Protein backbone atom coordinates (compact mmCIF):
# COMPACT_ATOMS: atom_id res chain seq x y z
CA MET A 1 7.32 6.02 -22.86
CA ARG A 2 5.08 3.29 -24.62
CA PHE A 3 1.53 2.85 -24.18
CA ASN A 4 -0.39 -0.45 -24.66
CA LEU A 5 -4.25 -0.50 -24.37
CA LYS A 6 -6.05 -3.49 -23.14
CA ASN A 7 -9.72 -3.42 -22.97
CA SER A 8 -10.41 -0.40 -20.15
CA THR A 9 -6.81 -0.65 -18.71
CA CYS A 10 -4.03 1.59 -20.52
CA GLU A 11 -0.26 0.06 -19.63
CA ILE A 12 2.44 2.58 -19.84
CA THR A 13 5.93 1.76 -19.68
CA MET A 14 8.16 4.53 -17.98
CA GLY A 15 11.84 3.11 -17.98
CA GLU A 16 11.75 0.02 -16.09
CA HIS A 17 8.19 0.74 -14.45
CA LEU A 18 5.10 -0.25 -15.34
CA VAL A 19 2.06 2.07 -14.96
CA LEU A 20 -1.57 1.29 -15.00
CA ILE A 21 -4.57 3.49 -15.45
CA ASP A 22 -8.01 3.43 -16.58
CA ARG A 23 -8.48 4.45 -20.13
CA ARG A 24 -11.03 7.05 -19.17
CA ASP A 25 -8.42 8.69 -17.23
CA LEU A 26 -6.27 9.32 -20.20
CA LEU A 27 -7.00 12.76 -20.41
CA LEU A 28 -5.82 13.40 -16.63
CA PHE A 29 -2.30 11.50 -17.47
CA ALA A 30 -2.18 13.80 -20.88
CA SER A 31 -2.50 17.02 -19.20
CA HIS A 32 0.73 16.60 -17.02
CA SER A 33 4.19 15.46 -17.10
CA TRP A 34 4.24 12.55 -14.84
CA TYR A 35 7.25 10.39 -13.64
CA PRO A 36 7.47 7.40 -11.27
CA ALA A 37 8.74 8.71 -7.57
CA ALA A 38 10.32 6.39 -5.49
CA ASN A 39 9.38 6.64 -1.39
CA VAL A 40 10.83 4.44 1.37
CA THR A 41 8.88 1.50 0.24
CA ASN A 42 6.76 2.00 -3.25
CA HIS A 43 6.84 3.94 -6.23
CA TYR A 44 4.39 6.30 -7.23
CA LEU A 45 2.98 8.35 -10.37
CA ARG A 46 3.87 12.14 -9.50
CA THR A 47 3.82 15.54 -11.39
CA SER A 48 4.72 19.12 -10.45
CA ILE A 49 1.58 21.62 -10.32
CA ALA A 50 0.80 25.30 -9.66
CA LYS A 51 -0.87 25.89 -6.61
CA ASP A 52 -1.43 29.25 -4.96
CA GLY A 53 1.37 30.58 -7.05
CA LYS A 54 3.64 28.15 -5.93
CA ARG A 55 4.90 24.55 -7.49
CA THR A 56 4.19 21.86 -5.46
CA THR A 57 4.00 17.85 -6.41
CA VAL A 58 1.18 15.75 -6.50
CA ASP A 59 0.52 12.09 -7.02
CA PHE A 60 -1.88 10.61 -9.89
CA HIS A 61 -4.19 9.06 -7.42
CA ILE A 62 -4.80 11.90 -5.35
CA LEU A 63 -5.71 13.85 -8.26
CA LEU A 64 -7.87 11.26 -9.51
CA MET A 65 -9.21 10.19 -6.35
CA LYS A 66 -9.65 13.56 -4.63
CA PRO A 67 -9.94 12.58 -0.81
CA GLY A 68 -11.05 14.67 1.85
CA ALA A 69 -9.01 16.30 4.64
CA GLU A 70 -9.08 13.46 6.90
CA THR A 71 -8.82 10.49 4.21
CA GLU A 72 -6.08 8.80 2.11
CA VAL A 73 -6.27 6.96 -0.93
CA ASP A 74 -4.82 3.35 -0.70
CA HIS A 75 -3.63 1.20 -3.57
CA VAL A 76 -5.44 -1.93 -2.62
CA ASN A 77 -2.60 -4.49 -4.35
CA GLY A 78 0.33 -2.49 -2.72
CA ASN A 79 1.39 -1.30 -6.04
CA GLY A 80 1.64 2.38 -6.35
CA LEU A 81 2.04 2.63 -10.04
CA ASP A 82 -1.63 0.75 -10.33
CA ASN A 83 -3.63 3.76 -10.49
CA ARG A 84 -6.60 1.82 -12.11
CA ARG A 85 -9.75 2.74 -10.34
CA ILE A 86 -10.54 -0.99 -9.34
CA ASN A 87 -7.44 -0.72 -7.12
CA LEU A 88 -7.92 2.53 -5.23
CA ARG A 89 -10.13 3.13 -2.28
CA VAL A 90 -10.27 6.47 -0.28
CA VAL A 91 -9.80 5.58 3.38
CA SER A 92 -8.89 6.84 6.80
CA HIS A 93 -5.10 7.07 7.69
CA LEU A 94 -5.33 3.89 9.94
CA MET A 95 -6.72 1.72 6.89
CA ASN A 96 -4.18 2.87 4.94
CA CYS A 97 -1.32 2.04 7.44
CA ASN A 98 -2.96 -1.53 7.88
CA ASN A 99 -2.24 -2.02 3.92
CA SER A 100 0.87 -1.05 3.94
CA ARG A 101 3.90 -3.30 2.96
CA GLN A 102 5.98 -4.76 5.70
CA ARG A 103 9.38 -3.19 6.37
CA ARG A 104 12.55 -4.33 5.66
CA GLY A 105 14.72 -5.36 8.46
CA THR A 106 12.58 -7.29 10.45
CA SER A 107 13.09 -10.25 12.10
CA SER A 108 10.38 -12.18 10.50
CA LYS A 109 9.05 -12.56 6.93
CA TYR A 110 5.46 -12.50 8.48
CA ARG A 111 3.43 -9.22 9.53
CA GLY A 112 3.07 -9.02 13.12
CA VAL A 113 5.54 -11.58 14.05
CA CYS A 114 8.86 -11.28 15.84
CA LEU A 115 11.67 -13.56 17.21
CA ILE A 116 12.38 -13.25 21.06
CA ASN A 117 15.55 -12.07 21.66
CA ASP A 118 17.20 -15.27 22.90
CA GLY A 119 16.02 -17.06 19.35
CA ARG A 120 13.92 -19.67 20.68
CA ALA A 121 10.37 -18.59 20.26
CA TRP A 122 8.18 -16.20 17.98
CA THR A 123 5.91 -13.53 19.24
CA ALA A 124 2.51 -12.55 17.47
CA THR A 125 0.98 -8.80 17.81
CA VAL A 126 -1.48 -7.14 16.36
CA THR A 127 -1.78 -3.62 16.47
CA PHE A 128 -5.45 -2.02 16.03
CA ASN A 129 -7.09 0.91 17.28
CA ASN A 130 -3.65 2.42 18.44
CA GLN A 131 -3.18 -0.54 21.01
CA ASN A 132 -0.80 -3.49 20.73
CA LYS A 133 -2.56 -6.94 21.35
CA TYR A 134 0.00 -9.61 22.77
CA LEU A 135 -1.39 -12.96 21.19
CA GLY A 136 1.17 -14.99 22.63
CA CYS A 137 4.28 -17.08 22.00
CA TRP A 138 4.98 -19.91 19.70
CA PRO A 139 7.85 -22.19 18.64
CA THR A 140 7.94 -21.43 15.11
CA GLU A 141 7.54 -18.48 13.09
CA LEU A 142 4.80 -20.31 10.90
CA GLU A 143 2.93 -20.92 14.03
CA ALA A 144 2.91 -17.35 15.24
CA ALA A 145 1.88 -16.17 11.47
CA LEU A 146 -1.04 -18.67 11.88
CA ALA A 147 -2.25 -17.07 14.97
CA TYR A 148 -1.69 -13.57 13.85
CA ASN A 149 -4.38 -14.27 10.94
CA ASP A 150 -6.55 -16.22 13.00
CA PHE A 151 -6.94 -13.31 15.51
CA ILE A 152 -7.47 -10.86 12.41
CA ILE A 153 -10.17 -13.18 10.84
CA ALA A 154 -11.93 -13.90 14.01
CA ASN A 155 -12.26 -10.34 15.10
CA ASN A 156 -13.05 -8.94 11.63
CA LEU A 157 -10.04 -6.58 11.46
CA PRO A 158 -9.30 -4.70 8.16
CA LYS A 159 -5.74 -6.10 7.96
CA ILE A 160 -3.79 -7.71 5.71
CA LEU A 161 -3.17 -11.55 6.14
CA ASN A 162 0.10 -13.31 6.21
CA PRO A 163 0.60 -15.48 3.00
CA VAL A 164 1.09 -18.97 4.51
C-alpha cells in the first residue's frame, strides 16, 4: 500500500487499484483493514466489522456517508474506489440505478439504445418512474443515442447522457 497526499486528497495504491479519499477521512481509513472488492461492474473499498456480535462486511462510502434506510450512496463519477466526499451523494435507489454503468453484452455502446432483431434499425427507450418510454426508431445507432439524450434533457430527467 502506498500513500500520496495531494492537497485535500489522499491517493492510496492498493495493488493495481487507486483509492481516493479526502485527507480528513484518513482516521476512518486507518481504523479498519480495507481491501478493494469487486462486484459485477465496479470495485468498492470494503472491510469487515463486528455488528451485533457477528462479523459483517461494509463499504467505506457507507460508513462515511451513513445513508438512511431508504437511501443509498452514489459515486457520481462511477468509480467505486473514488471516495472523496465531492464524488459521493446520498440518493434514492432509483437515482443510484440511473447513474449506473452500462451493462456488458448489450447491442449498443450507448445507454437506452438497442438494435432491432433484423439489424436494420436502432430504437431508443428511456426508463423512468418504473416505466419504459419508447422514443422511436432510427437508421443509425448515433441518431438513436441523440434522441435518448434529447429526451433526457427536454424532460430534465436525472439520468446520464450518452457521450456522443
